[in-house]
C-alpha atoms as a PDB file:
ATOM      1  CA  MET A   1      59.254  93.189 162.561  1.00  0.00           C
ATOM      2  CA  THR A   2      60.807  89.790 161.955  1.00  0.00           C
ATOM      3  CA  MET A   3      58.425  89.031 159.081  1.00  0.00           C
ATOM      4  CA  ASN A   4      59.241  92.374 157.412  1.00  0.00           C
ATOM      5  CA  LEU A   5      62.984  91.658 157.662  1.00  0.00           C
ATOM      6  CA  ILE A   6      62.512  88.209 156.129  1.00  0.00           C
ATOM      7  CA  ARG A   7      60.420  89.695 153.315  1.00  0.00           C
ATOM      8  CA  ASN A   8      63.040  92.369 152.589  1.00  0.00           C
ATOM      9  CA  ARG A   9      65.861  89.815 152.448  1.00  0.00           C
ATOM     10  CA  LEU A  10      63.797  87.525 150.242  1.00  0.00           C
ATOM     11  CA  GLY A  11      63.090  90.431 147.891  1.00  0.00           C
ATOM     12  CA  LEU A  12      66.759  91.322 147.636  1.00  0.00           C
ATOM     13  CA  LEU A  13      67.620  87.677 146.949  1.00  0.00           C
ATOM     14  CA  ILE A  14      65.065  87.430 144.163  1.00  0.00           C
ATOM     15  CA  LEU A  15      66.307  90.741 142.671  1.00  0.00           C
ATOM     16  CA  GLY A  16      69.894  89.458 142.725  1.00  0.00           C
ATOM     17  CA  VAL A  17      68.872  86.262 140.963  1.00  0.00           C
ATOM     18  CA  LEU A  18      67.035  88.247 138.270  1.00  0.00           C
ATOM     19  CA  VAL A  19      70.024  90.555 137.661  1.00  0.00           C
ATOM     20  CA  THR A  20      72.365  87.574 137.415  1.00  0.00           C
ATOM     21  CA  PHE A  21      70.025  85.868 134.923  1.00  0.00           C
ATOM     22  CA  VAL A  22      69.802  89.006 132.710  1.00  0.00           C
ATOM     23  CA  LEU A  23      73.596  89.386 132.650  1.00  0.00           C
ATOM     24  CA  TYR A  24      73.964  85.721 131.745  1.00  0.00           C
ATOM     25  CA  LEU A  25      71.697  86.249 128.719  1.00  0.00           C
ATOM     26  CA  LEU A  26      73.535  89.382 127.571  1.00  0.00           C
ATOM     27  CA  LEU A  27      77.105  88.034 127.975  1.00  0.00           C
ATOM     28  CA  PRO A  28      77.291  86.119 124.620  1.00  0.00           C
ATOM     29  CA  ALA A  29      76.184  89.226 122.713  1.00  0.00           C
ATOM     30  CA  ILE A  30      78.835  91.349 124.438  1.00  0.00           C
ATOM     31  CA  GLN A  31      81.536  88.802 123.688  1.00  0.00           C
ATOM     32  CA  HIS A  32      80.442  88.558 120.031  1.00  0.00           C
ATOM     33  CA  GLU A  33      80.562  92.356 119.682  1.00  0.00           C
ATOM     34  CA  ARG A  34      84.112  92.472 121.067  1.00  0.00           C
ATOM     35  CA  PHE A  35      85.271  89.637 118.791  1.00  0.00           C
ATOM     36  CA  THR A  36      83.741  91.262 115.692  1.00  0.00           C
ATOM     37  CA  ALA A  37      85.418  94.569 116.485  1.00  0.00           C
ATOM     38  CA  SER A  38      88.800  92.863 116.870  1.00  0.00           C
ATOM     39  CA  ILE A  39      88.744  91.131 113.465  1.00  0.00           C
ATOM     40  CA  ASP A  40      87.615  94.253 111.624  1.00  0.00           C
ATOM     41  CA  VAL A  41      90.840  96.124 112.408  1.00  0.00           C
ATOM     42  CA  PRO A  42      92.762  96.590 109.113  1.00  0.00           C
ATOM     43  CA  LYS A  43      96.275  95.047 108.947  1.00  0.00           C
ATOM     44  CA  PRO A  44      99.278  96.528 107.093  1.00  0.00           C
ATOM     45  CA  ARG A  45     100.303  94.948 103.735  1.00  0.00           C
ATOM     46  CA  ALA A  46      98.533  91.520 103.869  1.00  0.00           C
ATOM     47  CA  MET A  47      99.784  90.642 107.331  1.00  0.00           C
ATOM     48  CA  GLU A  48      97.770  87.760 108.770  1.00  0.00           C
ATOM     49  CA  GLU A  49      98.797  88.366 112.368  1.00  0.00           C
ATOM     50  CA  GLU A  50     100.235  91.198 114.394  1.00  0.00           C
ATOM     51  CA  MET A  51     104.011  91.513 114.176  1.00  0.00           C
ATOM     52  CA  LYS A  52     105.779  90.048 117.173  1.00  0.00           C
ATOM     53  CA  LYS A  53     109.094  91.265 118.529  1.00  0.00           C
ATOM     54  CA  ILE A  54     111.775  88.821 119.581  1.00  0.00           C
ATOM     55  CA  LYS A  55     114.830  90.109 121.373  1.00  0.00           C
ATOM     56  CA  GLY A  56     117.918  89.544 119.235  1.00  0.00           C
ATOM     57  CA  THR A  57     121.622  90.067 119.685  1.00  0.00           C
ATOM     58  CA  GLY A  58     123.427  93.379 119.979  1.00  0.00           C
ATOM     59  CA  ASN A  59     121.311  96.272 118.713  1.00  0.00           C
ATOM     60  CA  THR A  60     119.005  94.043 116.667  1.00  0.00           C
ATOM     61  CA  THR A  61     115.513  92.693 117.221  1.00  0.00           C
ATOM     62  CA  ILE A  62     113.690  90.084 115.154  1.00  0.00           C
ATOM     63  CA  LEU A  63     110.163  90.789 113.951  1.00  0.00           C
ATOM     64  CA  THR A  64     108.011  87.821 112.965  1.00  0.00           C
ATOM     65  CA  GLY A  65     104.680  87.532 111.194  1.00  0.00           C
ATOM     66  CA  ASN A  66     102.769  86.079 108.246  1.00  0.00           C
ATOM     67  CA  ILE A  67     102.363  87.452 104.741  1.00  0.00           C
ATOM     68  CA  LEU A  68     100.126  86.430 101.840  1.00  0.00           C
ATOM     69  CA  GLN A  69      96.884  84.498 102.149  1.00  0.00           C
ATOM     70  CA  ASN A  70      97.260  81.527  99.834  1.00  0.00           C
ATOM     71  CA  PRO A  71      99.562  80.175 100.967  1.00  0.00           C
ATOM     72  CA  PRO A  72     100.236  82.088 104.186  1.00  0.00           C
ATOM     73  CA  VAL A  73     103.984  82.472 104.555  1.00  0.00           C
ATOM     74  CA  PHE A  74     105.869  82.898 107.819  1.00  0.00           C
ATOM     75  CA  PHE A  75     108.804  85.299 107.838  1.00  0.00           C
ATOM     76  CA  ARG A  76     111.234  86.910 110.244  1.00  0.00           C
ATOM     77  CA  GLU A  77     112.934  90.283 109.805  1.00  0.00           C
ATOM     78  CA  ALA A  78     116.037  91.617 111.541  1.00  0.00           C
ATOM     79  CA  VAL A  79     115.654  95.255 112.473  1.00  0.00           C
ATOM     80  CA  PRO A  80     118.185  97.476 114.292  1.00  0.00           C
ATOM     81  CA  VAL A  81     116.585  98.827 117.479  1.00  0.00           C
ATOM     82  CA  ARG A  82     117.796 102.361 116.862  1.00  0.00           C
ATOM     83  CA  ARG A  83     116.878 102.536 113.174  1.00  0.00           C
ATOM     84  CA  GLU A  84     115.334 105.942 112.397  1.00  0.00           C
ATOM     85  CA  ARG A  85     115.378 106.222 108.610  1.00  0.00           C
ATOM     86  CA  GLY A  86     112.646 103.925 107.361  1.00  0.00           C
ATOM     87  CA  PRO A  87     113.058 100.330 106.220  1.00  0.00           C
ATOM     88  CA  THR A  88     116.770 100.558 105.470  1.00  0.00           C
ATOM     89  CA  THR A  89     119.677 102.622 106.686  1.00  0.00           C
ATOM     90  CA  GLU A  90     121.221 105.134 104.321  1.00  0.00           C
ATOM     91  CA  GLY A  91     123.077 103.372 101.514  1.00  0.00           C
ATOM     92  CA  GLY A  92     121.876  99.950 102.670  1.00  0.00           C
ATOM     93  CA  LEU A  93     120.501  97.076 100.638  1.00  0.00           C
ATOM     94  CA  GLU A  94     117.634  94.670 101.180  1.00  0.00           C
ATOM     95  CA  VAL A  95     118.493  90.994 101.592  1.00  0.00           C
ATOM     96  CA  ILE A  96     116.102  88.030 101.547  1.00  0.00           C
ATOM     97  CA  PHE A  97     117.106  84.528 102.638  1.00  0.00           C
ATOM     98  CA  LEU A  98     115.673  81.207 101.438  1.00  0.00           C
ATOM     99  CA  HIS A  99     116.581  77.964 103.216  1.00  0.00           C
ATOM    100  CA  GLY A 100     117.505  74.349 102.494  1.00  0.00           C
ATOM    101  CA  GLN A 101     115.333  71.258 102.937  1.00  0.00           C
ATOM    102  CA  SER A 102     116.430  70.484 106.502  1.00  0.00           C
ATOM    103  CA  PHE A 103     116.198  74.107 107.664  1.00  0.00           C
ATOM    104  CA  THR A 104     113.848  77.070 108.115  1.00  0.00           C
ATOM    105  CA  SER A 105     114.057  80.843 108.339  1.00  0.00           C
ATOM    106  CA  LYS A 106     115.169  80.443 111.952  1.00  0.00           C
ATOM    107  CA  THR A 107     118.457  78.905 110.748  1.00  0.00           C
ATOM    108  CA  TRP A 108     119.671  82.299 109.558  1.00  0.00           C
ATOM    109  CA  GLU A 109     118.721  83.858 112.887  1.00  0.00           C
ATOM    110  CA  GLU A 110     120.435  81.182 114.986  1.00  0.00           C
ATOM    111  CA  LEU A 111     123.572  81.375 112.851  1.00  0.00           C
ATOM    112  CA  GLY A 112     123.768  85.106 113.615  1.00  0.00           C
ATOM    113  CA  THR A 113     123.581  86.023 109.927  1.00  0.00           C
ATOM    114  CA  MET A 114     120.467  88.171 110.228  1.00  0.00           C
ATOM    115  CA  ALA A 115     121.760  90.162 113.185  1.00  0.00           C
ATOM    116  CA  LEU A 116     125.183  90.635 111.590  1.00  0.00           C
ATOM    117  CA  LEU A 117     123.798  91.994 108.323  1.00  0.00           C
ATOM    118  CA  SER A 118     121.267  94.155 110.132  1.00  0.00           C
ATOM    119  CA  GLU A 119     123.970  95.704 112.282  1.00  0.00           C
ATOM    120  CA  ASN A 120     125.864  96.495 109.069  1.00  0.00           C
ATOM    121  CA  GLY A 121     122.947  98.509 107.712  1.00  0.00           C
ATOM    122  CA  TYR A 122     120.971  95.991 105.683  1.00  0.00           C
ATOM    123  CA  ARG A 123     117.288  95.207 105.860  1.00  0.00           C
ATOM    124  CA  VAL A 124     117.268  91.419 106.307  1.00  0.00           C
ATOM    125  CA  ILE A 125     114.310  89.072 105.854  1.00  0.00           C
ATOM    126  CA  ALA A 126     114.128  85.274 105.919  1.00  0.00           C
ATOM    127  CA  ILE A 127     111.028  83.294 104.986  1.00  0.00           C
ATOM    128  CA  ASP A 128     109.720  79.795 105.591  1.00  0.00           C
ATOM    129  CA  LEU A 129     109.032  78.294 102.175  1.00  0.00           C
ATOM    130  CA  PRO A 130     105.677  76.498 101.767  1.00  0.00           C
ATOM    131  CA  GLY A 131     105.715  73.204 103.637  1.00  0.00           C
ATOM    132  CA  TYR A 132     108.578  74.196 105.949  1.00  0.00           C
ATOM    133  CA  GLY A 133     108.704  75.838 109.367  1.00  0.00           C
ATOM    134  CA  ASP A 134     105.416  77.609 110.040  1.00  0.00           C
ATOM    135  CA  SER A 135     104.374  77.890 106.380  1.00  0.00           C
ATOM    136  CA  PRO A 136     101.833  75.241 105.270  1.00  0.00           C
ATOM    137  CA  LEU A 137     102.062  73.236 102.063  1.00  0.00           C
ATOM    138  CA  SER A 138     100.520  74.749  98.946  1.00  0.00           C
ATOM    139  CA  SER A 139      99.669  73.388  95.516  1.00  0.00           C
ATOM    140  CA  ALA A 140     100.369  76.857  94.101  1.00  0.00           C
ATOM    141  CA  VAL A 141     104.132  76.185  94.124  1.00  0.00           C
ATOM    142  CA  GLU A 142     104.158  72.776  92.466  1.00  0.00           C
ATOM    143  CA  THR A 143     105.433  74.158  89.140  1.00  0.00           C
ATOM    144  CA  PRO A 144     108.363  76.465  88.246  1.00  0.00           C
ATOM    145  CA  ARG A 145     105.894  79.086  87.044  1.00  0.00           C
ATOM    146  CA  GLY A 146     104.042  78.893  90.348  1.00  0.00           C
ATOM    147  CA  ARG A 147     107.279  79.271  92.322  1.00  0.00           C
ATOM    148  CA  ILE A 148     108.277  82.299  90.249  1.00  0.00           C
ATOM    149  CA  ALA A 149     104.892  83.899  90.921  1.00  0.00           C
ATOM    150  CA  PHE A 150     105.243  83.026  94.601  1.00  0.00           C
ATOM    151  CA  LEU A 151     108.559  84.886  94.962  1.00  0.00           C
ATOM    152  CA  GLN A 152     107.244  87.841  92.989  1.00  0.00           C
ATOM    153  CA  GLN A 153     104.307  88.110  95.378  1.00  0.00           C
ATOM    154  CA  VAL A 154     106.553  87.779  98.437  1.00  0.00           C
ATOM    155  CA  LEU A 155     108.773  90.636  97.247  1.00  0.00           C
ATOM    156  CA  LYS A 156     105.707  92.763  96.544  1.00  0.00           C
ATOM    157  CA  GLU A 157     104.030  92.162  99.893  1.00  0.00           C
ATOM    158  CA  LEU A 158     107.239  92.784 101.836  1.00  0.00           C
ATOM    159  CA  GLY A 159     107.908  95.959  99.870  1.00  0.00           C
ATOM    160  CA  LEU A 160     111.311  94.764  98.645  1.00  0.00           C
ATOM    161  CA  HIS A 161     112.814  96.652  95.725  1.00  0.00           C
ATOM    162  CA  ARG A 162     115.605  94.785  93.935  1.00  0.00           C
ATOM    163  CA  PRO A 163     116.826  92.809  96.963  1.00  0.00           C
ATOM    164  CA  VAL A 164     119.801  90.468  97.110  1.00  0.00           C
ATOM    165  CA  LEU A 165     118.510  86.883  97.062  1.00  0.00           C
ATOM    166  CA  ILE A 166     120.362  84.263  99.133  1.00  0.00           C
ATOM    167  CA  SER A 167     119.399  80.700  98.202  1.00  0.00           C
ATOM    168  CA  SER A 168     120.729  77.422  99.534  1.00  0.00           C
ATOM    169  CA  SER A 169     120.159  73.831  98.390  1.00  0.00           C
ATOM    170  CA  MET A 170     116.445  72.936  98.019  1.00  0.00           C
ATOM    171  CA  SER A 171     115.409  76.577  97.613  1.00  0.00           C
ATOM    172  CA  GLY A 172     117.114  76.524  94.214  1.00  0.00           C
ATOM    173  CA  ARG A 173     113.780  75.228  92.905  1.00  0.00           C
ATOM    174  CA  TYR A 174     112.511  78.742  93.604  1.00  0.00           C
ATOM    175  CA  SER A 175     115.545  80.942  93.067  1.00  0.00           C
ATOM    176  CA  ILE A 176     116.962  79.529  89.814  1.00  0.00           C
ATOM    177  CA  PRO A 177     113.716  79.826  87.792  1.00  0.00           C
ATOM    178  CA  PHE A 178     113.163  83.278  89.307  1.00  0.00           C
ATOM    179  CA  LEU A 179     116.700  84.398  88.418  1.00  0.00           C
ATOM    180  CA  LEU A 180     116.359  83.280  84.794  1.00  0.00           C
ATOM    181  CA  ALA A 181     112.864  84.724  84.355  1.00  0.00           C
ATOM    182  CA  SER A 182     112.997  87.886  86.488  1.00  0.00           C
ATOM    183  CA  GLY A 183     116.656  88.541  87.249  1.00  0.00           C
ATOM    184  CA  GLU A 184     116.145  92.262  86.680  1.00  0.00           C
ATOM    185  CA  GLN A 185     114.190  92.337  89.945  1.00  0.00           C
ATOM    186  CA  LEU A 186     117.319  91.383  91.899  1.00  0.00           C
ATOM    187  CA  LYS A 187     120.279  93.516  92.886  1.00  0.00           C
ATOM    188  CA  GLY A 188     122.380  90.399  93.452  1.00  0.00           C
ATOM    189  CA  PHE A 189     122.175  86.638  93.778  1.00  0.00           C
ATOM    190  CA  VAL A 190     123.998  84.292  96.153  1.00  0.00           C
ATOM    191  CA  PRO A 191     123.433  80.593  95.350  1.00  0.00           C
ATOM    192  CA  ILE A 192     124.779  78.072  97.874  1.00  0.00           C
ATOM    193  CA  ALA A 193     124.847  74.659  96.192  1.00  0.00           C
ATOM    194  CA  PRO A 194     121.275  75.023  94.869  1.00  0.00           C
ATOM    195  CA  VAL A 195     119.257  72.219  93.323  1.00  0.00           C
ATOM    196  CA  GLY A 196     117.634  72.467  89.898  1.00  0.00           C
ATOM    197  CA  THR A 197     120.488  74.020  87.937  1.00  0.00           C
ATOM    198  CA  LYS A 198     120.424  71.182  85.377  1.00  0.00           C
ATOM    199  CA  ASP A 199     116.859  72.044  84.364  1.00  0.00           C
ATOM    200  CA  PHE A 200     118.056  74.993  82.292  1.00  0.00           C
ATOM    201  CA  THR A 201     120.391  75.569  79.345  1.00  0.00           C
ATOM    202  CA  THR A 202     123.855  77.030  78.998  1.00  0.00           C
ATOM    203  CA  GLN A 203     122.432  79.879  76.941  1.00  0.00           C
ATOM    204  CA  GLN A 204     119.961  80.821  79.670  1.00  0.00           C
ATOM    205  CA  TYR A 205     122.737  81.171  82.252  1.00  0.00           C
ATOM    206  CA  GLN A 206     124.877  83.181  79.856  1.00  0.00           C
ATOM    207  CA  GLN A 207     122.072  85.720  79.481  1.00  0.00           C
ATOM    208  CA  VAL A 208     121.819  86.462  83.209  1.00  0.00           C
ATOM    209  CA  LYS A 209     122.888  90.008  84.052  1.00  0.00           C
ATOM    210  CA  THR A 210     122.530  89.810  87.827  1.00  0.00           C
ATOM    211  CA  PRO A 211     125.796  90.002  89.822  1.00  0.00           C
ATOM    212  CA  THR A 212     126.230  86.571  91.395  1.00  0.00           C
ATOM    213  CA  LEU A 213     128.347  85.212  94.234  1.00  0.00           C
ATOM    214  CA  ILE A 214     128.583  81.403  94.062  1.00  0.00           C
ATOM    215  CA  ILE A 215     129.387  79.822  97.429  1.00  0.00           C
ATOM    216  CA  TYR A 216     129.980  76.126  98.045  1.00  0.00           C
ATOM    217  CA  GLY A 217     131.848  73.833 100.409  1.00  0.00           C
ATOM    218  CA  GLU A 218     135.094  72.117  99.492  1.00  0.00           C
ATOM    219  CA  LEU A 219     133.739  68.759 100.669  1.00  0.00           C
ATOM    220  CA  ASP A 220     130.445  69.078  98.799  1.00  0.00           C
ATOM    221  CA  THR A 221     131.282  66.939  95.769  1.00  0.00           C
ATOM    222  CA  GLY A 222     127.589  66.474  94.999  1.00  0.00           C
ATOM    223  CA  LEU A 223     125.386  69.533  94.548  1.00  0.00           C
ATOM    224  CA  GLY A 224     128.226  71.928  95.260  1.00  0.00           C
ATOM    225  CA  THR A 225     130.404  70.978  92.286  1.00  0.00           C
ATOM    226  CA  GLN A 226     127.459  70.040  90.045  1.00  0.00           C
ATOM    227  CA  SER A 227     125.716  73.406  90.377  1.00  0.00           C
ATOM    228  CA  LEU A 228     129.019  75.238  90.029  1.00  0.00           C
ATOM    229  CA  GLN A 229     129.488  73.955  86.476  1.00  0.00           C
ATOM    230  CA  LEU A 230     126.442  75.842  85.239  1.00  0.00           C
ATOM    231  CA  LEU A 231     126.317  78.779  87.649  1.00  0.00           C
ATOM    232  CA  GLN A 232     129.816  79.920  86.711  1.00  0.00           C
ATOM    233  CA  LEU A 233     128.502  80.493  83.176  1.00  0.00           C
ATOM    234  CA  ILE A 234     126.766  83.614  84.530  1.00  0.00           C
ATOM    235  CA  PRO A 235     128.870  86.511  83.164  1.00  0.00           C
ATOM    236  CA  LYS A 236     128.935  88.603  86.351  1.00  0.00           C
ATOM    237  CA  SER A 237     129.718  85.747  88.719  1.00  0.00           C
ATOM    238  CA  ARG A 238     132.564  84.811  90.984  1.00  0.00           C
ATOM    239  CA  VAL A 239     133.178  81.789  93.186  1.00  0.00           C
ATOM    240  CA  VAL A 240     134.003  81.382  96.863  1.00  0.00           C
ATOM    241  CA  LYS A 241     134.935  77.871  98.022  1.00  0.00           C
ATOM    242  CA  LEU A 242     134.792  77.378 101.770  1.00  0.00           C
ATOM    243  CA  LEU A 243     137.548  74.999 102.860  1.00  0.00           C
ATOM    244  CA  ALA A 244     136.786  71.975 105.043  1.00  0.00           C
ATOM    245  CA  ALA A 245     133.061  72.616 104.604  1.00  0.00           C
ATOM    246  CA  GLY A 246     130.294  70.308 103.415  1.00  0.00           C
ATOM    247  CA  HIS A 247     126.956  70.906 101.722  1.00  0.00           C
ATOM    248  CA  ALA A 248     125.649  73.302 104.392  1.00  0.00           C
ATOM    249  CA  CYS A 249     128.961  75.146 104.211  1.00  0.00           C
ATOM    250  CA  TYR A 250     127.638  78.217 106.054  1.00  0.00           C
ATOM    251  CA  LEU A 251     127.220  76.050 109.166  1.00  0.00           C
ATOM    252  CA  ASP A 252     130.722  74.548 108.906  1.00  0.00           C
ATOM    253  CA  GLN A 253     132.516  77.836 108.252  1.00  0.00           C
ATOM    254  CA  PRO A 254     130.211  80.661 109.410  1.00  0.00           C
ATOM    255  CA  GLN A 255     132.929  83.298 109.764  1.00  0.00           C
ATOM    256  CA  GLU A 256     134.259  82.736 106.260  1.00  0.00           C
ATOM    257  CA  PHE A 257     130.718  82.630 104.914  1.00  0.00           C
ATOM    258  CA  HIS A 258     129.801  85.906 106.596  1.00  0.00           C
ATOM    259  CA  ARG A 259     132.996  87.558 105.433  1.00  0.00           C
ATOM    260  CA  ALA A 260     132.382  86.591 101.799  1.00  0.00           C
ATOM    261  CA  LEU A 261     128.744  87.692 101.993  1.00  0.00           C
ATOM    262  CA  LEU A 262     129.513  91.074 103.549  1.00  0.00           C
ATOM    263  CA  ASN A 263     132.227  91.750 100.965  1.00  0.00           C
ATOM    264  CA  PHE A 264     129.798  90.968  98.152  1.00  0.00           C
ATOM    265  CA  LEU A 265     127.074  93.185  99.595  1.00  0.00           C
ATOM    266  CA  ASP A 266     129.574  95.984 100.035  1.00  0.00           C
ATOM    267  CA  GLU A 267     130.495  95.716  96.357  1.00  0.00           C
ATOM    268  CA  LEU A 268     126.847  95.899  95.314  1.00  0.00           C
ATOM    269  CA  LYS A 269     126.361  99.219  97.084  1.00  0.00           C
ATOM    270  CA  GLY A 270     128.316 100.974  94.358  1.00  0.00           C
ATOM    271  CA  LEU A 271     126.329  99.436  91.497  1.00  0.00           C
END
């Protein structure tokens, strides 16, 4: 009786060991199958990762993700929580923000600009330019032609049709060449003391047909006043000088900046 009990227990033990060993051998194959299935799921537009929601202010949330493949570009989009009519509200415009050298797309979120415009009915997107924020460096944007192509691809992948382009400081290396070469793709242009204006001629600025709002700070006697000299040659342009504000004038006078921007966007609705 005792020997039979010992034999039965020994048999069960051996069986358990065998089952455990078989499962151990099969586990890598199961894991590989699950991983393969996960990466085969198609993604919308060229998105490199699933969109993530970040709780914003008021009735706005911020969606974040990556677009393009070379280089991958990080972006954030302000979306009203209760939006029910597609990518924009009725009568709204699309607005895309570029940033300065010391900033990223998050600057426009932290300043409240993205939420404010979104709550006023605009589709608002800010991107991290290559080499800034979460976007890696890329040799594809080393030339003006490459930067023009870069912005054209960004607009295409994000599904933007004639957006308003907001460009501050360093991002002028992208926006100014794009404006002069493909201004018809923009509904409006808002330069904020951009760099690179001296690389082009008076005649080129005079041929621009895009409505332009030039914003600069009163205390910005460098890029602010230098870029103004050429930008004001654009026929459909007007100037807003923010008092007691420096180069990053939108940080020094955010209320005045937002007021000027909203007024300009409101004017573009009728065009």
